[in-house]
Amino acid sequence: MNTIIFLTMVGCHNCAEAKKIFEEVLPEFEGKVTVTEVDIASPEGQELVQKYSVMASPGIIINDELFSTGGVSKDKLVEKLQSLT
């Protein structure tokens, strides 16, 4: 099972846009991907921000590797998930 950690922040426009992309894309990968949303302001979020050097929200970590920060491209996300499944 592939894992995605989705680092978000309250009131973040890019985070809201990324959530919409996830909602569109993830049904295609049901049973192959788990997503955990973590608030950047939480202790866990702060630990992940430091560990992965996330400079902008949202931060997207796929299988313990930083995939993107500050937004996400639907096409690149689909391409990455297809390469893993």
C-alpha atoms as a PDB file:
ATOM      1  CA  MET A   1       0.000   0.000   0.000  1.00  0.00           C
ATOM      2  CA  ASN A   2       1.325   3.413  -0.972  1.00  0.00           C
ATOM      3  CA  THR A   3       1.040   6.224   1.559  1.00  0.00           C
ATOM      4  CA  ILE A   4       0.424   9.913   1.069  1.00  0.00           C
ATOM      5  CA  ILE A   5       0.838  12.452   3.848  1.00  0.00           C
ATOM      6  CA  PHE A   6      -1.017  15.639   3.003  1.00  0.00           C
ATOM      7  CA  LEU A   7       0.253  18.580   5.092  1.00  0.00           C
ATOM      8  CA  THR A   8      -2.379  21.314   5.174  1.00  0.00           C
ATOM      9  CA  MET A   9      -3.026  24.622   6.882  1.00  0.00           C
ATOM     10  CA  VAL A  10      -6.344  26.223   7.854  1.00  0.00           C
ATOM     11  CA  GLY A  11      -7.369  28.907   5.350  1.00  0.00           C
ATOM     12  CA  CYS A  12      -4.849  27.790   2.716  1.00  0.00           C
ATOM     13  CA  HIS A  13      -6.180  28.311  -0.825  1.00  0.00           C
ATOM     14  CA  ASN A  14      -3.609  25.933  -2.369  1.00  0.00           C
ATOM     15  CA  CYS A  15      -4.578  23.272   0.178  1.00  0.00           C
ATOM     16  CA  ALA A  16      -8.250  23.560  -0.812  1.00  0.00           C
ATOM     17  CA  GLU A  17      -7.323  23.233  -4.492  1.00  0.00           C
ATOM     18  CA  ALA A  18      -5.143  20.195  -3.748  1.00  0.00           C
ATOM     19  CA  LYS A  19      -8.024  18.565  -1.823  1.00  0.00           C
ATOM     20  CA  LYS A  20     -10.224  18.925  -4.913  1.00  0.00           C
ATOM     21  CA  ILE A  21      -7.540  17.275  -7.035  1.00  0.00           C
ATOM     22  CA  PHE A  22      -7.235  14.407  -4.542  1.00  0.00           C
ATOM     23  CA  GLU A  23     -11.021  13.932  -4.607  1.00  0.00           C
ATOM     24  CA  GLU A  24     -10.918  13.645  -8.415  1.00  0.00           C
ATOM     25  CA  VAL A  25      -7.840  11.416  -8.661  1.00  0.00           C
ATOM     26  CA  LEU A  26      -7.938   9.039  -5.698  1.00  0.00           C
ATOM     27  CA  PRO A  27     -11.005   6.951  -6.666  1.00  0.00           C
ATOM     28  CA  GLU A  28      -8.899   5.571  -9.546  1.00  0.00           C
ATOM     29  CA  PHE A  29      -6.355   4.295  -6.995  1.00  0.00           C
ATOM     30  CA  GLU A  30      -8.775   2.980  -4.359  1.00  0.00           C
ATOM     31  CA  GLY A  31      -7.216   0.166  -2.350  1.00  0.00           C
ATOM     32  CA  LYS A  32      -3.728   1.124  -3.566  1.00  0.00           C
ATOM     33  CA  VAL A  33      -3.184   4.417  -1.719  1.00  0.00           C
ATOM     34  CA  THR A  34      -3.893   5.677   1.788  1.00  0.00           C
ATOM     35  CA  VAL A  35      -4.006   9.397   2.527  1.00  0.00           C
ATOM     36  CA  THR A  36      -3.396  10.959   5.921  1.00  0.00           C
ATOM     37  CA  GLU A  37      -4.102  14.670   6.315  1.00  0.00           C
ATOM     38  CA  VAL A  38      -1.950  16.432   8.912  1.00  0.00           C
ATOM     39  CA  ASP A  39      -2.328  20.059  10.038  1.00  0.00           C
ATOM     40  CA  ILE A  40       0.993  21.861   9.674  1.00  0.00           C
ATOM     41  CA  ALA A  41       0.331  23.670  12.984  1.00  0.00           C
ATOM     42  CA  SER A  42       0.122  20.395  14.934  1.00  0.00           C
ATOM     43  CA  PRO A  43       3.200  18.928  16.655  1.00  0.00           C
ATOM     44  CA  GLU A  44       3.208  16.064  14.115  1.00  0.00           C
ATOM     45  CA  GLY A  45       2.899  18.586  11.281  1.00  0.00           C
ATOM     46  CA  GLN A  46       5.806  20.657  12.575  1.00  0.00           C
ATOM     47  CA  GLU A  47       7.947  17.526  12.835  1.00  0.00           C
ATOM     48  CA  LEU A  48       7.139  16.579   9.232  1.00  0.00           C
ATOM     49  CA  VAL A  49       7.773  20.147   7.986  1.00  0.00           C
ATOM     50  CA  GLN A  50      11.259  20.021   9.482  1.00  0.00           C
ATOM     51  CA  LYS A  51      12.005  16.447   8.415  1.00  0.00           C
ATOM     52  CA  TYR A  52      11.059  17.046   4.763  1.00  0.00           C
ATOM     53  CA  SER A  53      11.969  20.769   4.515  1.00  0.00           C
ATOM     54  CA  VAL A  54       8.449  21.774   3.495  1.00  0.00           C
ATOM     55  CA  MET A  55       8.582  25.491   2.649  1.00  0.00           C
ATOM     56  CA  ALA A  56       4.974  26.061   1.510  1.00  0.00           C
ATOM     57  CA  SER A  57       1.607  24.453   2.049  1.00  0.00           C
ATOM     58  CA  PRO A  58       0.325  22.076   1.092  1.00  0.00           C
ATOM     59  CA  GLY A  59       3.158  19.637   1.443  1.00  0.00           C
ATOM     60  CA  ILE A  60       2.624  16.255  -0.174  1.00  0.00           C
ATOM     61  CA  ILE A  61       4.786  13.343   0.888  1.00  0.00           C
ATOM     62  CA  ILE A  62       4.428  10.089  -1.020  1.00  0.00           C
ATOM     63  CA  ASN A  63       6.033   6.946   0.402  1.00  0.00           C
ATOM     64  CA  ASP A  64       8.322   8.982   2.699  1.00  0.00           C
ATOM     65  CA  GLU A  65       9.537  11.218  -0.148  1.00  0.00           C
ATOM     66  CA  LEU A  66       8.603  14.877  -0.609  1.00  0.00           C
ATOM     67  CA  PHE A  67       6.540  15.060  -3.802  1.00  0.00           C
ATOM     68  CA  SER A  68       5.448  18.713  -3.881  1.00  0.00           C
ATOM     69  CA  THR A  69       4.959  21.883  -1.863  1.00  0.00           C
ATOM     70  CA  GLY A  70       2.819  24.942  -2.436  1.00  0.00           C
ATOM     71  CA  GLY A  71       0.354  23.227  -4.745  1.00  0.00           C
ATOM     72  CA  VAL A  72       0.026  20.147  -6.876  1.00  0.00           C
ATOM     73  CA  SER A  73      -0.332  19.359 -10.569  1.00  0.00           C
ATOM     74  CA  LYS A  74      -3.137  16.873 -11.219  1.00  0.00           C
ATOM     75  CA  ASP A  75      -1.238  15.379 -14.172  1.00  0.00           C
ATOM     76  CA  LYS A  76       1.988  14.947 -12.184  1.00  0.00           C
ATOM     77  CA  LEU A  77       0.106  13.392  -9.262  1.00  0.00           C
ATOM     78  CA  VAL A  78      -1.642  10.892 -11.537  1.00  0.00           C
ATOM     79  CA  GLU A  79       1.655  10.082 -13.277  1.00  0.00           C
ATOM     80  CA  LYS A  80       3.381   9.488  -9.923  1.00  0.00           C
ATOM     81  CA  LEU A  81       0.588   7.278  -8.580  1.00  0.00           C
ATOM     82  CA  GLN A  82       0.426   5.262 -11.805  1.00  0.00           C
ATOM     83  CA  SER A  83       4.190   4.641 -11.592  1.00  0.00           C
ATOM     84  CA  LEU A  84       3.719   3.214  -8.067  1.00  0.00           C
ATOM     85  CA  THR A  85       0.751   0.942  -8.743  1.00  0.00           C
END
